[in-house]
Amino acid sequence: MRSLSPKEQCILALLVTHRELYGLELVGASQGELKRGTVYVTLSRMEEKGLVHARLERVPKHSGLPRRIYRASALGTCLLNAHGAFDRALARPARA
């Protein structure tokens, strides 16, 4: 199984829950787990791995450049689900 870092797990969980977010929305939604200085580096690496997809927002809701909007890919969603199942299996008490 391909390994996910805690930051990657957090990002994927947020994207699965919220569907699409841009970087600073991810930082805000993470309740301190993600930092502004690392979220874009992590998102870039995740995009290279095929875990997330990005698009430019069509019409910026602010003045300035369009933001990159991220969503979890099918691979990212499957990997997140597999990690969750693995974690739940480890948490079960051992049978005698």
PDB file of N, CA and C in Angstrom:
ATOM      1  N   MET A   1       0.850  -1.179   0.000  1.00  0.00           N
ATOM      2  CA  MET A   1       0.000   0.000   0.000  1.00  0.00           C
ATOM      3  C   MET A   1       0.891   1.236   0.000  1.00  0.00           C
ATOM      4  N   ARG A   2       0.548   2.184  -0.831  1.00  0.00           N
ATOM      5  CA  ARG A   2       1.275   3.448  -0.865  1.00  0.00           C
ATOM      6  C   ARG A   2       0.990   4.195   0.437  1.00  0.00           C
ATOM      7  N   SER A   3       2.011   4.772   1.012  1.00  0.00           N
ATOM      8  CA  SER A   3       1.875   5.433   2.303  1.00  0.00           C
ATOM      9  C   SER A   3       1.418   6.881   2.137  1.00  0.00           C
ATOM     10  N   LEU A   4       0.598   7.331   3.067  1.00  0.00           N
ATOM     11  CA  LEU A   4       0.160   8.721   3.115  1.00  0.00           C
ATOM     12  C   LEU A   4       0.726   9.363   4.364  1.00  0.00           C
ATOM     13  N   SER A   5       1.283  10.557   4.212  1.00  0.00           N
ATOM     14  CA  SER A   5       1.736  11.308   5.380  1.00  0.00           C
ATOM     15  C   SER A   5       0.506  11.840   6.119  1.00  0.00           C
ATOM     16  N   PRO A   6       0.669  12.228   7.378  1.00  0.00           N
ATOM     17  CA  PRO A   6      -0.461  12.814   8.102  1.00  0.00           C
ATOM     18  C   PRO A   6      -1.049  14.048   7.404  1.00  0.00           C
ATOM     19  N   LYS A   7      -0.197  14.859   6.787  1.00  0.00           N
ATOM     20  CA  LYS A   7      -0.699  16.038   6.064  1.00  0.00           C
ATOM     21  C   LYS A   7      -1.507  15.627   4.841  1.00  0.00           C
ATOM     22  N   GLU A   8      -1.018  14.615   4.123  1.00  0.00           N
ATOM     23  CA  GLU A   8      -1.758  14.128   2.957  1.00  0.00           C
ATOM     24  C   GLU A   8      -3.103  13.539   3.377  1.00  0.00           C
ATOM     25  N   GLN A   9      -3.119  12.801   4.473  1.00  0.00           N
ATOM     26  CA  GLN A   9      -4.379  12.246   4.976  1.00  0.00           C
ATOM     27  C   GLN A   9      -5.350  13.370   5.331  1.00  0.00           C
ATOM     28  N   CYS A  10      -4.853  14.392   5.989  1.00  0.00           N
ATOM     29  CA  CYS A  10      -5.694  15.528   6.372  1.00  0.00           C
ATOM     30  C   CYS A  10      -6.275  16.215   5.133  1.00  0.00           C
ATOM     31  N   ILE A  11      -5.424  16.489   4.156  1.00  0.00           N
ATOM     32  CA  ILE A  11      -5.871  17.164   2.937  1.00  0.00           C
ATOM     33  C   ILE A  11      -6.916  16.322   2.223  1.00  0.00           C
ATOM     34  N   LEU A  12      -6.650  15.038   2.050  1.00  0.00           N
ATOM     35  CA  LEU A  12      -7.612  14.177   1.354  1.00  0.00           C
ATOM     36  C   LEU A  12      -8.934  14.108   2.111  1.00  0.00           C
ATOM     37  N   ALA A  13      -8.880  13.975   3.431  1.00  0.00           N
ATOM     38  CA  ALA A  13     -10.112  13.919   4.219  1.00  0.00           C
ATOM     39  C   ALA A  13     -10.925  15.204   4.040  1.00  0.00           C
ATOM     40  N   LEU A  14     -10.265  16.344   4.053  1.00  0.00           N
ATOM     41  CA  LEU A  14     -10.961  17.617   3.861  1.00  0.00           C
ATOM     42  C   LEU A  14     -11.548  17.729   2.459  1.00  0.00           C
ATOM     43  N   LEU A  15     -10.800  17.284   1.463  1.00  0.00           N
ATOM     44  CA  LEU A  15     -11.292  17.366   0.085  1.00  0.00           C
ATOM     45  C   LEU A  15     -12.451  16.404  -0.160  1.00  0.00           C
ATOM     46  N   VAL A  16     -12.402  15.236   0.456  1.00  0.00           N
ATOM     47  CA  VAL A  16     -13.512  14.293   0.319  1.00  0.00           C
ATOM     48  C   VAL A  16     -14.760  14.880   0.991  1.00  0.00           C
ATOM     49  N   THR A  17     -14.577  15.508   2.131  1.00  0.00           N
ATOM     50  CA  THR A  17     -15.705  16.096   2.861  1.00  0.00           C
ATOM     51  C   THR A  17     -16.275  17.325   2.161  1.00  0.00           C
ATOM     52  N   HIS A  18     -15.397  18.212   1.694  1.00  0.00           N
ATOM     53  CA  HIS A  18     -15.840  19.496   1.133  1.00  0.00           C
ATOM     54  C   HIS A  18     -15.892  19.533  -0.383  1.00  0.00           C
ATOM     55  N   ARG A  19     -15.468  18.491  -1.040  1.00  0.00           N
ATOM     56  CA  ARG A  19     -15.439  18.338  -2.500  1.00  0.00           C
ATOM     57  C   ARG A  19     -14.304  19.118  -3.155  1.00  0.00           C
ATOM     58  N   GLU A  20     -14.309  20.441  -3.066  1.00  0.00           N
ATOM     59  CA  GLU A  20     -13.255  21.267  -3.672  1.00  0.00           C
ATOM     60  C   GLU A  20     -12.890  22.409  -2.721  1.00  0.00           C
ATOM     61  N   LEU A  21     -11.593  22.651  -2.595  1.00  0.00           N
ATOM     62  CA  LEU A  21     -11.110  23.758  -1.771  1.00  0.00           C
ATOM     63  C   LEU A  21      -9.828  24.311  -2.382  1.00  0.00           C
ATOM     64  N   TYR A  22      -9.551  25.568  -2.129  1.00  0.00           N
ATOM     65  CA  TYR A  22      -8.240  26.106  -2.492  1.00  0.00           C
ATOM     66  C   TYR A  22      -7.351  26.050  -1.255  1.00  0.00           C
ATOM     67  N   GLY A  23      -6.074  26.302  -1.426  1.00  0.00           N
ATOM     68  CA  GLY A  23      -5.087  26.076  -0.376  1.00  0.00           C
ATOM     69  C   GLY A  23      -5.396  26.715   0.957  1.00  0.00           C
ATOM     70  N   LEU A  24      -5.723  28.008   0.962  1.00  0.00           N
ATOM     71  CA  LEU A  24      -5.978  28.673   2.240  1.00  0.00           C
ATOM     72  C   LEU A  24      -7.271  28.202   2.890  1.00  0.00           C
ATOM     73  N   GLU A  25      -8.233  27.728   2.094  1.00  0.00           N
ATOM     74  CA  GLU A  25      -9.426  27.125   2.675  1.00  0.00           C
ATOM     75  C   GLU A  25      -9.062  25.827   3.397  1.00  0.00           C
ATOM     76  N   LEU A  26      -8.142  25.073   2.812  1.00  0.00           N
ATOM     77  CA  LEU A  26      -7.669  23.850   3.466  1.00  0.00           C
ATOM     78  C   LEU A  26      -7.004  24.180   4.802  1.00  0.00           C
ATOM     79  N   VAL A  27      -6.171  25.209   4.815  1.00  0.00           N
ATOM     80  CA  VAL A  27      -5.501  25.613   6.051  1.00  0.00           C
ATOM     81  C   VAL A  27      -6.544  25.953   7.113  1.00  0.00           C
ATOM     82  N   GLY A  28      -7.529  26.747   6.761  1.00  0.00           N
ATOM     83  CA  GLY A  28      -8.568  27.141   7.711  1.00  0.00           C
ATOM     84  C   GLY A  28      -9.410  25.979   8.198  1.00  0.00           C
ATOM     85  N   ALA A  29      -9.755  25.083   7.295  1.00  0.00           N
ATOM     86  CA  ALA A  29     -10.606  23.944   7.652  1.00  0.00           C
ATOM     87  C   ALA A  29      -9.867  22.892   8.476  1.00  0.00           C
ATOM     88  N   SER A  30      -8.531  22.918   8.455  1.00  0.00           N
ATOM     89  CA  SER A  30      -7.745  21.885   9.143  1.00  0.00           C
ATOM     90  C   SER A  30      -7.625  22.117  10.645  1.00  0.00           C
ATOM     91  N   GLN A  31      -8.100  23.237  11.140  1.00  0.00           N
ATOM     92  CA  GLN A  31      -8.041  23.574  12.561  1.00  0.00           C
ATOM     93  C   GLN A  31      -6.624  23.448  13.117  1.00  0.00           C
ATOM     94  N   GLY A  32      -5.664  24.018  12.390  1.00  0.00           N
ATOM     95  CA  GLY A  32      -4.280  24.084  12.849  1.00  0.00           C
ATOM     96  C   GLY A  32      -3.390  22.934  12.419  1.00  0.00           C
ATOM     97  N   GLU A  33      -3.964  21.924  11.792  1.00  0.00           N
ATOM     98  CA  GLU A  33      -3.147  20.781  11.375  1.00  0.00           C
ATOM     99  C   GLU A  33      -2.274  21.109  10.162  1.00  0.00           C
ATOM    100  N   LEU A  34      -2.766  21.961   9.276  1.00  0.00           N
ATOM    101  CA  LEU A  34      -2.003  22.374   8.093  1.00  0.00           C
ATOM    102  C   LEU A  34      -1.543  23.815   8.278  1.00  0.00           C
ATOM    103  N   LYS A  35      -0.345  24.091   7.807  1.00  0.00           N
ATOM    104  CA  LYS A  35       0.212  25.438   7.894  1.00  0.00           C
ATOM    105  C   LYS A  35       0.280  26.051   6.502  1.00  0.00           C
ATOM    106  N   ARG A  36       0.144  27.346   6.468  1.00  0.00           N
ATOM    107  CA  ARG A  36       0.158  28.090   5.217  1.00  0.00           C
ATOM    108  C   ARG A  36       1.439  27.859   4.412  1.00  0.00           C
ATOM    109  N   GLY A  37       2.565  27.734   5.092  1.00  0.00           N
ATOM    110  CA  GLY A  37       3.852  27.599   4.422  1.00  0.00           C
ATOM    111  C   GLY A  37       4.096  26.249   3.779  1.00  0.00           C
ATOM    112  N   THR A  38       3.346  25.220   4.173  1.00  0.00           N
ATOM    113  CA  THR A  38       3.595  23.882   3.625  1.00  0.00           C
ATOM    114  C   THR A  38       2.447  23.324   2.795  1.00  0.00           C
ATOM    115  N   VAL A  39       1.276  23.923   2.884  1.00  0.00           N
ATOM    116  CA  VAL A  39       0.120  23.326   2.217  1.00  0.00           C
ATOM    117  C   VAL A  39       0.303  23.272   0.698  1.00  0.00           C
ATOM    118  N   TYR A  40       0.862  24.322   0.098  1.00  0.00           N
ATOM    119  CA  TYR A  40       0.990  24.330  -1.361  1.00  0.00           C
ATOM    120  C   TYR A  40       2.076  23.373  -1.841  1.00  0.00           C
ATOM    121  N   VAL A  41       3.141  23.219  -1.068  1.00  0.00           N
ATOM    122  CA  VAL A  41       4.183  22.247  -1.410  1.00  0.00           C
ATOM    123  C   VAL A  41       3.596  20.842  -1.352  1.00  0.00           C
ATOM    124  N   THR A  42       2.829  20.563  -0.302  1.00  0.00           N
ATOM    125  CA  THR A  42       2.207  19.253  -0.150  1.00  0.00           C
ATOM    126  C   THR A  42       1.206  19.005  -1.269  1.00  0.00           C
ATOM    127  N   LEU A  43       0.390  19.997  -1.608  1.00  0.00           N
ATOM    128  CA  LEU A  43      -0.579  19.845  -2.694  1.00  0.00           C
ATOM    129  C   LEU A  43       0.112  19.576  -4.033  1.00  0.00           C
ATOM    130  N   SER A  44       1.211  20.261  -4.274  1.00  0.00           N
ATOM    131  CA  SER A  44       1.962  20.042  -5.513  1.00  0.00           C
ATOM    132  C   SER A  44       2.477  18.608  -5.597  1.00  0.00           C
ATOM    133  N   ARG A  45       3.033  18.110  -4.504  1.00  0.00           N
ATOM    134  CA  ARG A  45       3.525  16.723  -4.476  1.00  0.00           C
ATOM    135  C   ARG A  45       2.378  15.740  -4.643  1.00  0.00           C
ATOM    136  N   MET A  46       1.257  16.029  -4.023  1.00  0.00           N
ATOM    137  CA  MET A  46       0.094  15.145  -4.139  1.00  0.00           C
ATOM    138  C   MET A  46      -0.438  15.126  -5.568  1.00  0.00           C
ATOM    139  N   GLU A  47      -0.374  16.270  -6.229  1.00  0.00           N
ATOM    140  CA  GLU A  47      -0.813  16.337  -7.625  1.00  0.00           C
ATOM    141  C   GLU A  47       0.114  15.490  -8.504  1.00  0.00           C
ATOM    142  N   GLU A  48       1.413  15.560  -8.249  1.00  0.00           N
ATOM    143  CA  GLU A  48       2.378  14.748  -8.993  1.00  0.00           C
ATOM    144  C   GLU A  48       2.135  13.259  -8.783  1.00  0.00           C
ATOM    145  N   LYS A  49       1.717  12.873  -7.576  1.00  0.00           N
ATOM    146  CA  LYS A  49       1.438  11.468  -7.259  1.00  0.00           C
ATOM    147  C   LYS A  49       0.072  11.005  -7.787  1.00  0.00           C
ATOM    148  N   GLY A  50      -0.739  11.937  -8.269  1.00  0.00           N
ATOM    149  CA  GLY A  50      -2.066  11.596  -8.756  1.00  0.00           C
ATOM    150  C   GLY A  50      -3.127  11.504  -7.676  1.00  0.00           C
ATOM    151  N   LEU A  51      -2.847  12.055  -6.486  1.00  0.00           N
ATOM    152  CA  LEU A  51      -3.794  11.985  -5.375  1.00  0.00           C
ATOM    153  C   LEU A  51      -4.842  13.086  -5.404  1.00  0.00           C
ATOM    154  N   VAL A  52      -4.512  14.211  -6.028  1.00  0.00           N
ATOM    155  CA  VAL A  52      -5.450  15.330  -6.168  1.00  0.00           C
ATOM    156  C   VAL A  52      -5.376  15.860  -7.596  1.00  0.00           C
ATOM    157  N   HIS A  53      -6.453  16.531  -7.977  1.00  0.00           N
ATOM    158  CA  HIS A  53      -6.499  17.241  -9.258  1.00  0.00           C
ATOM    159  C   HIS A  53      -6.706  18.719  -8.949  1.00  0.00           C
ATOM    160  N   ALA A  54      -6.170  19.584  -9.796  1.00  0.00           N
ATOM    161  CA  ALA A  54      -6.321  21.025  -9.593  1.00  0.00           C
ATOM    162  C   ALA A  54      -6.849  21.665 -10.875  1.00  0.00           C
ATOM    163  N   ARG A  55      -7.579  22.745 -10.679  1.00  0.00           N
ATOM    164  CA  ARG A  55      -8.044  23.563 -11.802  1.00  0.00           C
ATOM    165  C   ARG A  55      -7.999  25.016 -11.353  1.00  0.00           C
ATOM    166  N   LEU A  56      -7.920  25.905 -12.313  1.00  0.00           N
ATOM    167  CA  LEU A  56      -7.983  27.335 -11.992  1.00  0.00           C
ATOM    168  C   LEU A  56      -9.437  27.743 -11.870  1.00  0.00           C
ATOM    169  N   GLU A  57      -9.741  28.587 -10.888  1.00  0.00           N
ATOM    170  CA  GLU A  57     -11.122  29.042 -10.753  1.00  0.00           C
ATOM    171  C   GLU A  57     -11.481  29.858 -11.987  1.00  0.00           C
ATOM    172  N   ARG A  58     -12.704  29.696 -12.447  1.00  0.00           N
ATOM    173  CA  ARG A  58     -13.131  30.342 -13.702  1.00  0.00           C
ATOM    174  C   ARG A  58     -13.155  31.864 -13.587  1.00  0.00           C
ATOM    175  N   VAL A  59     -13.846  32.339 -12.596  1.00  0.00           N
ATOM    176  CA  VAL A  59     -13.948  33.786 -12.379  1.00  0.00           C
ATOM    177  C   VAL A  59     -13.501  34.059 -10.953  1.00  0.00           C
ATOM    178  N   PRO A  60     -12.360  34.719 -10.789  1.00  0.00           N
ATOM    179  CA  PRO A  60     -11.888  34.996  -9.425  1.00  0.00           C
ATOM    180  C   PRO A  60     -12.928  35.766  -8.622  1.00  0.00           C
ATOM    181  N   LYS A  61     -13.127  35.344  -7.367  1.00  0.00           N
ATOM    182  CA  LYS A  61     -14.074  36.008  -6.476  1.00  0.00           C
ATOM    183  C   LYS A  61     -13.396  37.138  -5.721  1.00  0.00           C
ATOM    184  N   HIS A  62     -12.206  37.465  -6.129  1.00  0.00           N
ATOM    185  CA  HIS A  62     -11.406  38.499  -5.479  1.00  0.00           C
ATOM    186  C   HIS A  62     -10.615  39.201  -6.575  1.00  0.00           C
ATOM    187  N   SER A  63      -9.987  40.286  -6.249  1.00  0.00           N
ATOM    188  CA  SER A  63      -9.126  40.926  -7.238  1.00  0.00           C
ATOM    189  C   SER A  63      -7.798  40.182  -7.247  1.00  0.00           C
ATOM    190  N   GLY A  64      -7.247  39.983  -8.396  1.00  0.00           N
ATOM    191  CA  GLY A  64      -5.981  39.266  -8.486  1.00  0.00           C
ATOM    192  C   GLY A  64      -6.082  38.048  -9.376  1.00  0.00           C
ATOM    193  N   LEU A  65      -5.104  37.186  -9.249  1.00  0.00           N
ATOM    194  CA  LEU A  65      -5.019  35.996 -10.087  1.00  0.00           C
ATOM    195  C   LEU A  65      -6.030  34.935  -9.655  1.00  0.00           C
ATOM    196  N   PRO A  66      -6.473  34.104 -10.606  1.00  0.00           N
ATOM    197  CA  PRO A  66      -7.363  32.998 -10.229  1.00  0.00           C
ATOM    198  C   PRO A  66      -6.646  32.028  -9.304  1.00  0.00           C
ATOM    199  N   ARG A  67      -7.393  31.464  -8.377  1.00  0.00           N
ATOM    200  CA  ARG A  67      -6.833  30.485  -7.440  1.00  0.00           C
ATOM    201  C   ARG A  67      -6.906  29.086  -8.040  1.00  0.00           C
ATOM    202  N   ARG A  68      -6.029  28.207  -7.547  1.00  0.00           N
ATOM    203  CA  ARG A  68      -6.082  26.796  -7.918  1.00  0.00           C
ATOM    204  C   ARG A  68      -7.021  26.107  -6.940  1.00  0.00           C
ATOM    205  N   ILE A  69      -8.014  25.454  -7.497  1.00  0.00           N
ATOM    206  CA  ILE A  69      -9.004  24.732  -6.706  1.00  0.00           C
ATOM    207  C   ILE A  69      -8.646  23.254  -6.769  1.00  0.00           C
ATOM    208  N   TYR A  70      -8.607  22.588  -5.624  1.00  0.00           N
ATOM    209  CA  TYR A  70      -8.176  21.188  -5.548  1.00  0.00           C
ATOM    210  C   TYR A  70      -9.343  20.287  -5.199  1.00  0.00           C
ATOM    211  N   ARG A  71      -9.291  19.048  -5.730  1.00  0.00           N
ATOM    212  CA  ARG A  71     -10.248  18.007  -5.365  1.00  0.00           C
ATOM    213  C   ARG A  71      -9.500  16.688  -5.298  1.00  0.00           C
ATOM    214  N   ALA A  72     -10.002  15.777  -4.503  1.00  0.00           N
ATOM    215  CA  ALA A  72      -9.379  14.460  -4.382  1.00  0.00           C
ATOM    216  C   ALA A  72      -9.612  13.674  -5.672  1.00  0.00           C
ATOM    217  N   SER A  73      -8.591  12.971  -6.136  1.00  0.00           N
ATOM    218  CA  SER A  73      -8.745  12.091  -7.289  1.00  0.00           C
ATOM    219  C   SER A  73      -9.351  10.766  -6.814  1.00  0.00           C
ATOM    220  N   ALA A  74      -9.734   9.922  -7.759  1.00  0.00           N
ATOM    221  CA  ALA A  74     -10.241   8.595  -7.403  1.00  0.00           C
ATOM    222  C   ALA A  74      -9.167   7.812  -6.655  1.00  0.00           C
ATOM    223  N   LEU A  75      -7.917   7.914  -7.114  1.00  0.00           N
ATOM    224  CA  LEU A  75      -6.814   7.235  -6.436  1.00  0.00           C
ATOM    225  C   LEU A  75      -6.656   7.750  -5.011  1.00  0.00           C
ATOM    226  N   GLY A  76      -6.688   9.066  -4.832  1.00  0.00           N
ATOM    227  CA  GLY A  76      -6.554   9.652  -3.505  1.00  0.00           C
ATOM    228  C   GLY A  76      -7.671   9.208  -2.575  1.00  0.00           C
ATOM    229  N   THR A  77      -8.894   9.166  -3.088  1.00  0.00           N
ATOM    230  CA  THR A  77     -10.035   8.736  -2.286  1.00  0.00           C
ATOM    231  C   THR A  77      -9.901   7.270  -1.885  1.00  0.00           C
ATOM    232  N   CYS A  78      -9.519   6.426  -2.836  1.00  0.00           N
ATOM    233  CA  CYS A  78      -9.328   4.993  -2.539  1.00  0.00           C
ATOM    234  C   CYS A  78      -8.226   4.785  -1.512  1.00  0.00           C
ATOM    235  N   LEU A  79      -7.147   5.502  -1.662  1.00  0.00           N
ATOM    236  CA  LEU A  79      -6.027   5.363  -0.734  1.00  0.00           C
ATOM    237  C   LEU A  79      -6.416   5.834   0.669  1.00  0.00           C
ATOM    238  N   LEU A  80      -7.150   6.937   0.750  1.00  0.00           N
ATOM    239  CA  LEU A  80      -7.630   7.419   2.044  1.00  0.00           C
ATOM    240  C   LEU A  80      -8.536   6.386   2.698  1.00  0.00           C
ATOM    241  N   ASN A  81      -9.445   5.796   1.923  1.00  0.00           N
ATOM    242  CA  ASN A  81     -10.348   4.774   2.455  1.00  0.00           C
ATOM    243  C   ASN A  81      -9.578   3.546   2.929  1.00  0.00           C
ATOM    244  N   ALA A  82      -8.560   3.144   2.177  1.00  0.00           N
ATOM    245  CA  ALA A  82      -7.748   1.990   2.563  1.00  0.00           C
ATOM    246  C   ALA A  82      -7.003   2.261   3.863  1.00  0.00           C
ATOM    247  N   HIS A  83      -6.455   3.457   4.011  1.00  0.00           N
ATOM    248  CA  HIS A  83      -5.763   3.817   5.255  1.00  0.00           C
ATOM    249  C   HIS A  83      -6.734   3.823   6.424  1.00  0.00           C
ATOM    250  N   GLY A  84      -7.948   4.316   6.197  1.00  0.00           N
ATOM    251  CA  GLY A  84      -8.953   4.321   7.260  1.00  0.00           C
ATOM    252  C   GLY A  84      -9.326   2.906   7.687  1.00  0.00           C
ATOM    253  N   ALA A  85      -9.500   2.022   6.714  1.00  0.00           N
ATOM    254  CA  ALA A  85      -9.826   0.627   7.031  1.00  0.00           C
ATOM    255  C   ALA A  85      -8.684  -0.035   7.790  1.00  0.00           C
ATOM    256  N   PHE A  86      -7.464   0.243   7.389  1.00  0.00           N
ATOM    257  CA  PHE A  86      -6.292  -0.313   8.057  1.00  0.00           C
ATOM    258  C   PHE A  86      -6.213   0.183   9.508  1.00  0.00           C
ATOM    259  N   ASP A  87      -6.419   1.474   9.701  1.00  0.00           N
ATOM    260  CA  ASP A  87      -6.391   2.045  11.051  1.00  0.00           C
ATOM    261  C   ASP A  87      -7.486   1.442  11.929  1.00  0.00           C
ATOM    262  N   ARG A  88      -8.689   1.247  11.363  1.00  0.00           N
ATOM    263  CA  ARG A  88      -9.786   0.649  12.141  1.00  0.00           C
ATOM    264  C   ARG A  88      -9.465  -0.798  12.495  1.00  0.00           C
ATOM    265  N   ALA A  89      -8.839  -1.527  11.575  1.00  0.00           N
ATOM    266  CA  ALA A  89      -8.470  -2.912  11.852  1.00  0.00           C
ATOM    267  C   ALA A  89      -7.440  -2.992  12.979  1.00  0.00           C
ATOM    268  N   LEU A  90      -6.506  -2.064  12.992  1.00  0.00           N
ATOM    269  CA  LEU A  90      -5.505  -2.048  14.066  1.00  0.00           C
ATOM    270  C   LEU A  90      -6.116  -1.696  15.421  1.00  0.00           C
ATOM    271  N   ALA A  91      -7.181  -0.927  15.413  1.00  0.00           N
ATOM    272  CA  ALA A  91      -7.791  -0.473  16.650  1.00  0.00           C
ATOM    273  C   ALA A  91      -8.691  -1.539  17.287  1.00  0.00           C
ATOM    274  N   ARG A  92      -9.070  -2.569  16.535  1.00  0.00           N
ATOM    275  CA  ARG A  92      -9.929  -3.627  17.080  1.00  0.00           C
ATOM    276  C   ARG A  92      -9.161  -4.451  18.097  1.00  0.00           C
ATOM    277  N   PRO A  93      -9.857  -4.847  19.170  1.00  0.00           N
ATOM    278  CA  PRO A  93      -9.184  -5.709  20.138  1.00  0.00           C
ATOM    279  C   PRO A  93      -8.904  -7.091  19.528  1.00  0.00           C
ATOM    280  N   ALA A  94      -7.808  -7.665  19.925  1.00  0.00           N
ATOM    281  CA  ALA A  94      -7.413  -8.986  19.410  1.00  0.00           C
ATOM    282  C   ALA A  94      -8.355 -10.050  19.946  1.00  0.00           C
ATOM    283  N   ARG A  95      -8.704 -11.008  19.095  1.00  0.00           N
ATOM    284  CA  ARG A  95      -9.561 -12.117  19.520  1.00  0.00           C
ATOM    285  C   ARG A  95      -8.711 -13.210  20.136  1.00  0.00           C
ATOM    286  N   ALA A  96      -9.264 -13.833  21.135  1.00  0.00           N
ATOM    287  CA  ALA A  96      -8.519 -14.918  21.820  1.00  0.00           C
ATOM    288  C   ALA A  96      -8.631 -16.227  21.090  1.00  0.00           C
TER     289      ALA A  96
END
